Amino acid sequence: MPLILPTNLFKDLPWFHPYIEARERIERHMNPTFSGAADASQSDLLNRYRLGASFDIKKDLDGVLEYQNATDLYWTHSKNGMTQNSDVTLAYADYSTKRVDYTLGRQKIELGDQRLIGSTEWTVLSRSFDVLRMQSGPWDLWGGTLGVANHDTADTRLTVLTHQNDSYGTSSIIYKHDEAALGAIDEETLDHFVKHKFGNTTLDAEGALQGGEANLQTQEAWAYHVRATQLLLRRLSLSVEADSASGGSPTSSTSRTFDNLYPSNHDLYGLADTTGWRNMDYLAARIEARPTDAFAIRGTAQTISLQNPHGDWFNYSGVPNVSTQGVFVDPTGKSGSHVGDEFDLEAAYKFKHLGSLTTGIALFDPGDFVKNVSGHGDPETFFYFQWQAKF
C-alpha cells in the first residue's frame, strides 16, 4: 500500500494533497548479443524520484502537478556513463460538467492492457501526453502530442476516439501522424479490447487493423492477442496466451509491419523485453501464486517467432534488435522464423508502510533465426531487483 503523509501536516490546506514517489532498481543484462563475450554485458542503476500534488480548486475543478528526476547509471566492461532527465511529467487541470469531463494539459493515458497506448511506467523516464481530453459517459475523445518520452516528439500528433461498453468491450479509432527519415507517417488503427469472467475463468482478447501510409509505403497491418486465465485454487491461477502481429520485408512497396504505437510493452512478451507487438508470433503459459495478500510469485514459459521471416525482429521499444553483425533481419527468409524461448521467474512483496520489493530473472535461449543471422547462440540472462514506495 502507498505511504500516506500525516494529514495534520496540511490540515489547514484541505485543497492541497502532496506526495513523494521513489523508485530504485538495479538490473543486469548478461550476454544480450548472444555472443558469449563478457564485455557485451551491461548493468544499470535506475533512480526515479517524483514530487507532486493534487489540488481541489473548486467543486468541479481540480488539477495535478508533478516533477520527476530520473537517472540511469550504467556500466559495461569497456565504459561507464549516466543519462539524466528532469522534467514535469504531470501538469493538468480537470473541469467537470453534468455531461462532459474536460482534462487539459500533460497527463498519462492508458488504453486497455496498454498494448497500443500506455505510460511505460517500467522505464525510468515513463511517458506523458500533452492533450485535451473530453469524456462523456462511454465516450472518450482526446488529441494532442507526446509530452515526455524517450525520443523526439516534435512531429507527433495523435487523435483517439474510444467507446467503452461493459458487455462488449472497448473500441478505439487511433490516428497517428509523425515524421520519419524516409517520410511522413499517417496511420489509422481500429482496435477492440474485451475482457470477461466466466466463473473461475477469465478471457481477454484484443484485435487491431491498421491502414494509411508510413515511410512512403502503404500501410496494411494487423495484430491480435488472446488469453485465458483459470483459477485453480483460491490463490493459484494458470493462464495461456497467444499473440501475433503482422510483419513484412522492409523493401516491399507495402508496409505490412504492424505499428504498436506508444505502448507499455514491458513484460507483455517476456521479462527480458526482447520483443514487441510487431512482426511476431508469441505463445506463453504462466502460473501465478499468491500465498498471502502481500506476497506473489509467478513463472512463465514462452516461445517467440517472426510472423514473417523476411522482416525485422523488433524489441519492446519498437525498433529492430541488433547484434554484433548488425540488424536482426534476413530479407531472403532463409534464416528461419524461430527467435527463441524464454523462461521467467518473478516475485513481489508489499510492505505495510515501506512500499514494495520486486525481483525477477529471465533466461532467453536463442532459436535458429538468431543463430543464423548473428552467428551466435549463447543464452541471454536478465536480472533485476526493485524497491518502490509512495509517500
Protein backbone atom coordinates (compact mmCIF):
# COMPACT_ATOMS: atom_id res chain seq x y z
CA MET A 1 0.00 0.00 0.00
CA PRO A 2 1.26 3.57 -0.69
CA LEU A 3 2.59 5.50 2.25
CA ILE A 4 0.44 8.48 3.22
CA LEU A 5 1.84 11.69 4.67
CA PRO A 6 0.42 12.59 8.09
CA THR A 7 -2.74 14.57 7.41
CA ASN A 8 -2.09 17.03 10.22
CA LEU A 9 0.83 18.48 8.26
CA PHE A 10 -1.66 20.02 5.84
CA LYS A 11 -4.81 20.28 7.97
CA ASP A 12 -5.02 23.98 7.17
CA LEU A 13 -4.75 23.25 3.42
CA PRO A 14 -7.55 20.75 2.70
CA TRP A 15 -7.35 21.51 -1.02
CA PHE A 16 -3.65 20.56 -1.25
CA HIS A 17 -2.58 16.88 -1.35
CA PRO A 18 1.19 16.43 -1.80
CA TYR A 19 3.02 13.17 -2.40
CA ILE A 20 6.52 11.82 -2.99
CA GLU A 21 7.29 8.73 -5.04
CA ALA A 22 10.65 6.97 -5.03
CA ARG A 23 11.93 4.02 -7.04
CA GLU A 24 15.32 2.33 -7.16
CA ARG A 25 16.15 -0.56 -9.48
CA ILE A 26 19.29 -2.42 -10.38
CA GLU A 27 19.25 -4.63 -13.44
CA ARG A 28 21.77 -6.58 -15.46
CA HIS A 29 21.68 -7.91 -19.00
CA MET A 30 24.19 -10.71 -19.41
CA ASN A 31 25.13 -11.59 -22.98
CA PRO A 32 22.44 -9.54 -24.79
CA THR A 33 24.27 -10.09 -28.13
CA PHE A 34 24.21 -13.92 -27.65
CA SER A 35 27.95 -13.99 -28.47
CA GLY A 36 29.20 -15.15 -25.07
CA ALA A 37 31.56 -12.18 -24.89
CA ALA A 38 31.97 -10.85 -21.35
CA ASP A 39 32.23 -7.23 -22.49
CA ALA A 40 28.75 -7.38 -24.06
CA SER A 41 27.00 -7.41 -20.66
CA GLN A 42 25.62 -4.25 -19.06
CA SER A 43 24.43 -3.23 -15.61
CA ASP A 44 22.14 -0.30 -14.83
CA LEU A 45 21.25 1.51 -11.61
CA LEU A 46 17.97 3.29 -12.31
CA ASN A 47 16.75 6.02 -9.95
CA ARG A 48 13.43 7.83 -10.23
CA TYR A 49 12.01 10.40 -7.83
CA ARG A 50 8.74 12.29 -8.17
CA LEU A 51 7.40 15.22 -6.20
CA GLY A 52 3.79 16.07 -6.88
CA ALA A 53 0.49 17.33 -5.56
CA SER A 54 -3.19 17.26 -6.43
CA PHE A 55 -5.34 20.35 -5.99
CA ASP A 56 -9.06 20.58 -5.24
CA ILE A 57 -9.54 24.10 -6.55
CA LYS A 58 -13.33 24.22 -6.73
CA LYS A 59 -16.18 21.74 -6.60
CA ASP A 60 -15.90 20.95 -10.31
CA LEU A 61 -12.27 21.94 -10.87
CA ASP A 62 -9.11 20.14 -9.75
CA GLY A 63 -5.61 19.50 -11.03
CA VAL A 64 -2.31 17.69 -10.63
CA LEU A 65 1.29 18.89 -10.87
CA GLU A 66 4.25 16.50 -10.77
CA TYR A 67 8.01 16.90 -11.22
CA GLN A 68 10.29 13.95 -11.97
CA ASN A 69 14.05 13.41 -11.83
CA ALA A 70 15.26 10.20 -13.45
CA THR A 71 18.79 8.86 -13.89
CA ASP A 72 20.36 5.77 -15.43
CA LEU A 73 23.88 5.00 -14.21
CA TYR A 74 25.24 2.23 -16.42
CA TRP A 75 28.48 0.34 -16.70
CA THR A 76 29.96 -2.25 -19.04
CA HIS A 77 33.33 -3.93 -19.46
CA SER A 78 34.54 -1.09 -21.69
CA LYS A 79 32.80 2.08 -20.42
CA ASN A 80 30.66 3.71 -17.76
CA GLY A 81 28.17 6.52 -18.15
CA MET A 82 24.98 8.20 -16.99
CA THR A 83 21.87 9.66 -18.56
CA GLN A 84 19.62 12.06 -16.69
CA ASN A 85 16.21 13.57 -17.28
CA SER A 86 14.49 16.28 -15.28
CA ASP A 87 11.00 17.28 -16.36
CA VAL A 88 7.42 18.00 -15.40
CA THR A 89 5.59 14.72 -16.00
CA LEU A 90 2.08 15.79 -14.97
CA ALA A 91 0.51 19.23 -15.27
CA TYR A 92 -3.19 19.21 -15.98
CA ALA A 93 -6.50 20.68 -14.90
CA ASP A 94 -9.76 18.76 -14.84
CA TYR A 95 -13.13 20.51 -15.15
CA SER A 96 -16.38 18.56 -14.81
CA THR A 97 -19.82 19.49 -16.03
CA LYS A 98 -23.02 17.45 -15.86
CA ARG A 99 -22.34 15.90 -19.27
CA VAL A 100 -18.64 16.22 -20.06
CA ASP A 101 -15.39 15.92 -18.13
CA TYR A 102 -12.61 18.08 -19.64
CA THR A 103 -8.92 17.43 -18.90
CA LEU A 104 -6.29 19.76 -20.37
CA GLY A 105 -2.53 19.52 -20.08
CA ARG A 106 0.21 16.93 -19.53
CA GLN A 107 -1.30 13.63 -18.39
CA LYS A 108 -0.87 9.87 -18.53
CA ILE A 109 -3.28 7.84 -20.64
CA GLU A 110 -3.58 4.07 -20.70
CA LEU A 111 -5.75 2.15 -23.16
CA GLY A 112 -6.79 -1.41 -22.25
CA ASP A 113 -3.75 -3.55 -21.47
CA GLN A 114 -1.55 -0.74 -22.84
CA ARG A 115 -0.52 -2.71 -25.93
CA LEU A 116 -1.09 0.41 -28.06
CA ILE A 117 -1.25 3.38 -25.66
CA GLY A 118 0.47 3.34 -22.27
CA SER A 119 2.59 5.22 -19.77
CA THR A 120 5.64 2.88 -19.80
CA GLU A 121 6.00 3.08 -16.02
CA TRP A 122 8.68 0.38 -16.11
CA THR A 123 11.13 2.66 -17.90
CA VAL A 124 12.99 5.22 -15.86
CA LEU A 125 11.56 8.10 -17.91
CA SER A 126 7.90 6.98 -18.43
CA ARG A 127 5.56 8.68 -20.92
CA SER A 128 3.11 11.59 -20.72
CA PHE A 129 0.81 13.15 -23.31
CA ASP A 130 0.10 16.85 -23.87
CA VAL A 131 -3.56 16.67 -24.87
CA LEU A 132 -7.10 17.91 -24.46
CA ARG A 133 -9.31 15.06 -23.28
CA MET A 134 -13.12 15.01 -23.21
CA GLN A 135 -15.03 12.19 -21.53
CA SER A 136 -18.78 11.74 -21.54
CA GLY A 137 -20.41 8.50 -20.43
CA PRO A 138 -18.94 5.67 -22.53
CA TRP A 139 -17.17 8.09 -24.91
CA ASP A 140 -13.56 9.27 -24.59
CA LEU A 141 -12.03 11.69 -27.12
CA TRP A 142 -8.54 13.15 -26.86
CA GLY A 143 -5.93 14.67 -29.11
CA GLY A 144 -2.53 16.30 -28.96
CA THR A 145 1.08 15.21 -28.86
CA LEU A 146 3.63 13.43 -26.71
CA GLY A 147 4.86 15.40 -23.71
CA VAL A 148 7.56 13.33 -22.03
CA ALA A 149 9.02 10.41 -23.98
CA ASN A 150 12.33 8.73 -24.74
CA HIS A 151 12.55 10.10 -28.29
CA ASP A 152 11.90 13.27 -30.28
CA THR A 153 8.24 14.25 -30.05
CA ALA A 154 8.16 17.46 -32.10
CA ASP A 155 6.23 16.00 -35.05
CA THR A 156 3.97 13.52 -33.26
CA ARG A 157 0.21 14.07 -33.40
CA LEU A 158 -2.45 11.74 -32.00
CA THR A 159 -6.24 11.75 -32.09
CA VAL A 160 -8.08 8.95 -30.28
CA LEU A 161 -11.81 8.20 -30.00
CA THR A 162 -12.83 5.39 -27.64
CA HIS A 163 -16.20 3.84 -26.77
CA GLN A 164 -16.49 1.54 -23.77
CA ASN A 165 -19.27 -0.95 -23.20
CA ASP A 166 -19.38 -3.20 -20.12
CA SER A 167 -20.72 -6.12 -22.14
CA TYR A 168 -18.92 -5.79 -25.46
CA GLY A 169 -15.59 -4.21 -24.53
CA THR A 170 -13.69 -1.13 -25.64
CA SER A 171 -13.44 0.04 -29.26
CA SER A 172 -10.95 2.71 -30.36
CA ILE A 173 -10.05 4.60 -33.50
CA ILE A 174 -6.50 5.99 -33.33
CA TYR A 175 -5.00 8.43 -35.81
CA LYS A 176 -1.23 8.97 -35.72
CA HIS A 177 0.91 11.47 -37.58
CA ASP A 178 4.69 11.61 -37.29
CA GLU A 179 7.75 12.40 -39.37
CA ALA A 180 10.46 9.82 -40.05
CA ALA A 181 13.70 9.82 -42.02
CA LEU A 182 12.02 8.31 -45.09
CA GLY A 183 8.83 10.36 -44.99
CA ALA A 184 5.62 11.11 -43.14
CA ILE A 185 3.62 8.57 -41.14
CA ASP A 186 -0.17 8.89 -41.31
CA GLU A 187 -1.84 5.81 -39.88
CA GLU A 188 -5.31 4.87 -38.71
CA THR A 189 -5.73 1.99 -36.27
CA LEU A 190 -9.04 0.34 -35.39
CA ASP A 191 -8.72 -1.56 -32.11
CA HIS A 192 -11.08 -3.56 -29.91
CA PHE A 193 -10.35 -4.92 -26.42
CA VAL A 194 -12.68 -7.15 -24.40
CA LYS A 195 -12.42 -8.95 -21.07
CA HIS A 196 -15.00 -11.22 -19.44
CA LYS A 197 -15.13 -13.53 -16.45
CA PHE A 198 -16.98 -16.85 -16.62
CA GLY A 199 -16.96 -18.44 -13.20
CA ASN A 200 -13.31 -19.22 -12.39
CA THR A 201 -12.18 -18.50 -15.96
CA THR A 202 -11.25 -15.06 -17.31
CA LEU A 203 -10.93 -14.46 -21.05
CA ASP A 204 -9.42 -11.34 -22.60
CA ALA A 205 -8.73 -10.54 -26.22
CA GLU A 206 -7.66 -7.64 -28.40
CA GLY A 207 -7.57 -7.17 -32.15
CA ALA A 208 -6.36 -4.32 -34.35
CA LEU A 209 -6.42 -3.40 -38.04
CA GLN A 210 -4.16 -0.67 -39.40
CA GLY A 211 -4.06 1.33 -42.63
CA GLY A 212 -2.66 4.54 -44.07
CA GLU A 213 0.83 5.48 -45.18
CA ALA A 214 4.21 5.03 -43.49
CA ASN A 215 7.65 5.96 -44.84
CA LEU A 216 6.43 6.29 -48.44
CA GLN A 217 4.71 2.89 -48.20
CA THR A 218 1.07 1.90 -48.00
CA GLN A 219 0.34 0.60 -44.51
CA GLU A 220 -1.71 -2.62 -44.28
CA ALA A 221 -1.23 -4.43 -40.98
CA TRP A 222 -2.99 -6.33 -38.20
CA ALA A 223 -2.44 -7.72 -34.71
CA TYR A 224 -4.26 -9.82 -32.13
CA HIS A 225 -4.00 -11.03 -28.54
CA VAL A 226 -5.97 -13.72 -26.73
CA ARG A 227 -5.56 -15.11 -23.21
CA ALA A 228 -7.41 -17.47 -20.87
CA THR A 229 -6.79 -17.48 -17.12
CA GLN A 230 -8.09 -20.28 -14.93
CA LEU A 231 -8.29 -20.02 -11.14
CA LEU A 232 -7.10 -23.44 -9.96
CA LEU A 233 -7.21 -22.73 -6.23
CA ARG A 234 -8.15 -19.63 -4.26
CA ARG A 235 -4.62 -18.24 -4.59
CA LEU A 236 -3.30 -20.15 -7.61
CA SER A 237 -4.02 -19.44 -11.29
CA LEU A 238 -2.87 -20.69 -14.68
CA SER A 239 -3.02 -18.71 -17.93
CA VAL A 240 -2.27 -19.49 -21.56
CA GLU A 241 -1.80 -16.80 -24.18
CA ALA A 242 -1.29 -16.28 -27.92
CA ASP A 243 -0.25 -13.04 -29.60
CA SER A 244 0.59 -12.16 -33.17
CA ALA A 245 1.35 -9.05 -35.21
CA SER A 246 1.91 -8.85 -38.94
CA GLY A 247 5.29 -8.19 -40.49
CA GLY A 248 6.88 -7.86 -43.88
CA SER A 249 10.00 -7.15 -45.83
CA PRO A 250 11.45 -3.64 -45.23
CA THR A 251 11.97 -3.28 -49.01
CA SER A 252 8.37 -4.02 -50.01
CA SER A 253 6.20 -1.27 -51.56
CA THR A 254 3.51 -2.11 -48.99
CA SER A 255 4.35 -2.00 -45.30
CA ARG A 256 2.73 -4.92 -43.51
CA THR A 257 4.64 -4.45 -40.26
CA PHE A 258 2.20 -3.55 -37.51
CA ASP A 259 2.97 -0.31 -35.66
CA ASN A 260 2.05 -0.78 -32.00
CA LEU A 261 2.19 3.00 -31.49
CA TYR A 262 3.08 4.10 -27.92
CA PRO A 263 2.61 1.05 -25.67
CA SER A 264 3.78 -0.16 -22.29
CA ASN A 265 5.44 -3.30 -23.62
CA HIS A 266 7.45 -4.39 -20.58
CA ASP A 267 6.74 -7.99 -19.56
CA LEU A 268 3.91 -8.39 -22.06
CA TYR A 269 6.09 -10.65 -24.23
CA GLY A 270 8.75 -11.80 -21.80
CA LEU A 271 10.57 -10.25 -18.87
CA ALA A 272 13.77 -9.73 -20.89
CA ASP A 273 11.90 -7.35 -23.24
CA THR A 274 13.44 -8.78 -26.38
CA THR A 275 10.25 -8.49 -28.44
CA GLY A 276 7.43 -6.04 -29.17
CA TRP A 277 3.99 -6.40 -30.81
CA ARG A 278 5.46 -6.13 -34.33
CA ASN A 279 6.19 -8.99 -36.75
CA MET A 280 5.86 -11.60 -34.04
CA ASP A 281 4.12 -14.80 -33.00
CA TYR A 282 4.07 -15.41 -29.26
CA LEU A 283 2.84 -18.34 -27.17
CA ALA A 284 3.05 -18.44 -23.38
CA ALA A 285 1.92 -20.33 -20.29
CA ARG A 286 2.05 -18.71 -16.85
CA ILE A 287 1.35 -19.92 -13.34
CA GLU A 288 0.90 -17.42 -10.50
CA ALA A 289 0.56 -17.98 -6.78
CA ARG A 290 -0.38 -15.54 -4.02
CA PRO A 291 0.38 -17.29 -0.71
CA THR A 292 -0.60 -14.12 1.17
CA ASP A 293 -2.15 -10.75 0.31
CA ALA A 294 1.34 -9.23 0.41
CA PHE A 295 3.34 -11.84 -1.49
CA ALA A 296 3.05 -13.07 -5.08
CA ILE A 297 5.24 -15.27 -7.26
CA ARG A 298 4.85 -16.32 -10.88
CA GLY A 299 6.66 -18.30 -13.53
CA THR A 300 6.27 -18.00 -17.30
CA ALA A 301 7.40 -20.14 -20.23
CA GLN A 302 7.14 -18.65 -23.72
CA THR A 303 8.25 -19.16 -27.28
CA ILE A 304 8.73 -16.33 -29.81
CA SER A 305 8.86 -16.42 -33.61
CA LEU A 306 8.69 -13.98 -36.51
CA GLN A 307 5.28 -13.74 -38.14
CA ASN A 308 7.09 -13.03 -41.43
CA PRO A 309 10.66 -14.46 -41.68
CA HIS A 310 11.58 -11.78 -44.26
CA GLY A 311 11.10 -8.95 -41.76
CA ASP A 312 12.96 -7.44 -38.82
CA TRP A 313 12.92 -8.71 -35.25
CA PHE A 314 11.69 -5.76 -33.16
CA ASN A 315 12.39 -5.17 -29.47
CA TYR A 316 9.95 -3.82 -26.88
CA SER A 317 10.75 -0.22 -27.89
CA GLY A 318 9.57 -0.89 -31.43
CA VAL A 319 12.99 -0.69 -33.08
CA PRO A 320 14.91 -3.58 -34.70
CA ASN A 321 17.16 -5.64 -32.46
CA VAL A 322 20.85 -5.52 -33.36
CA SER A 323 23.69 -8.00 -32.94
CA THR A 324 27.43 -7.85 -33.45
CA GLN A 325 26.67 -8.39 -37.16
CA GLY A 326 24.07 -5.64 -37.49
CA VAL A 327 20.26 -5.59 -37.59
CA PHE A 328 18.45 -8.88 -36.96
CA VAL A 329 16.86 -9.38 -40.37
CA ASP A 330 17.18 -11.78 -43.28
CA PRO A 331 15.34 -10.44 -46.37
CA THR A 332 15.59 -13.89 -48.01
CA GLY A 333 13.69 -15.52 -45.14
CA LYS A 334 16.10 -18.47 -45.20
CA SER A 335 17.30 -18.00 -41.61
CA GLY A 336 14.01 -19.32 -40.27
CA SER A 337 11.44 -17.73 -38.02
CA HIS A 338 12.04 -19.17 -34.53
CA VAL A 339 13.52 -16.32 -32.46
CA GLY A 340 13.85 -18.19 -29.19
CA ASP A 341 12.35 -19.46 -25.95
CA GLU A 342 12.24 -17.59 -22.64
CA PHE A 343 11.69 -18.71 -19.06
CA ASP A 344 10.87 -16.12 -16.37
CA LEU A 345 10.50 -16.15 -12.59
CA GLU A 346 9.27 -13.10 -10.63
CA ALA A 347 8.35 -12.36 -7.03
CA ALA A 348 6.81 -9.32 -5.32
CA TYR A 349 6.24 -8.34 -1.70
CA LYS A 350 4.26 -5.35 -0.40
CA PHE A 351 5.20 -3.95 2.99
CA LYS A 352 2.61 -2.29 5.15
CA HIS A 353 4.44 1.03 5.37
CA LEU A 354 7.63 0.70 3.32
CA GLY A 355 6.45 0.27 -0.25
CA SER A 356 7.14 -2.88 -2.24
CA LEU A 357 10.03 -5.06 -3.38
CA THR A 358 10.04 -6.93 -6.69
CA THR A 359 12.67 -9.13 -8.28
CA GLY A 360 12.88 -11.30 -11.36
CA ILE A 361 15.14 -13.35 -13.57
CA ALA A 362 14.75 -14.32 -17.23
CA LEU A 363 16.65 -16.83 -19.36
CA PHE A 364 16.38 -16.38 -23.13
CA ASP A 365 17.53 -19.30 -25.29
CA PRO A 366 18.05 -18.17 -28.93
CA GLY A 367 16.37 -20.02 -31.79
CA ASP A 368 17.50 -20.75 -35.34
CA PHE A 369 16.75 -17.24 -36.62
CA VAL A 370 19.05 -15.58 -34.08
CA LYS A 371 21.78 -18.17 -34.57
CA ASN A 372 21.71 -17.97 -38.37
CA VAL A 373 21.59 -14.16 -38.63
CA SER A 374 24.15 -13.33 -35.94
CA GLY A 375 26.30 -16.43 -35.99
CA HIS A 376 25.90 -16.68 -32.20
CA GLY A 377 23.59 -18.70 -30.00
CA ASP A 378 24.63 -18.34 -26.37
CA PRO A 379 21.71 -17.70 -23.95
CA GLU A 380 20.95 -14.26 -22.52
CA THR A 381 20.19 -13.77 -18.82
CA PHE A 382 18.36 -10.78 -17.36
CA PHE A 383 18.01 -9.99 -13.65
CA TYR A 384 16.50 -7.10 -11.71
CA PHE A 385 15.77 -6.04 -8.13
CA GLN A 386 13.50 -3.06 -7.41
CA TRP A 387 12.11 -1.08 -4.47
CA GLN A 388 9.27 1.40 -4.89
CA ALA A 389 7.20 3.49 -2.47
CA LYS A 390 4.80 6.41 -2.49
CA PHE A 391 4.55 8.79 0.46
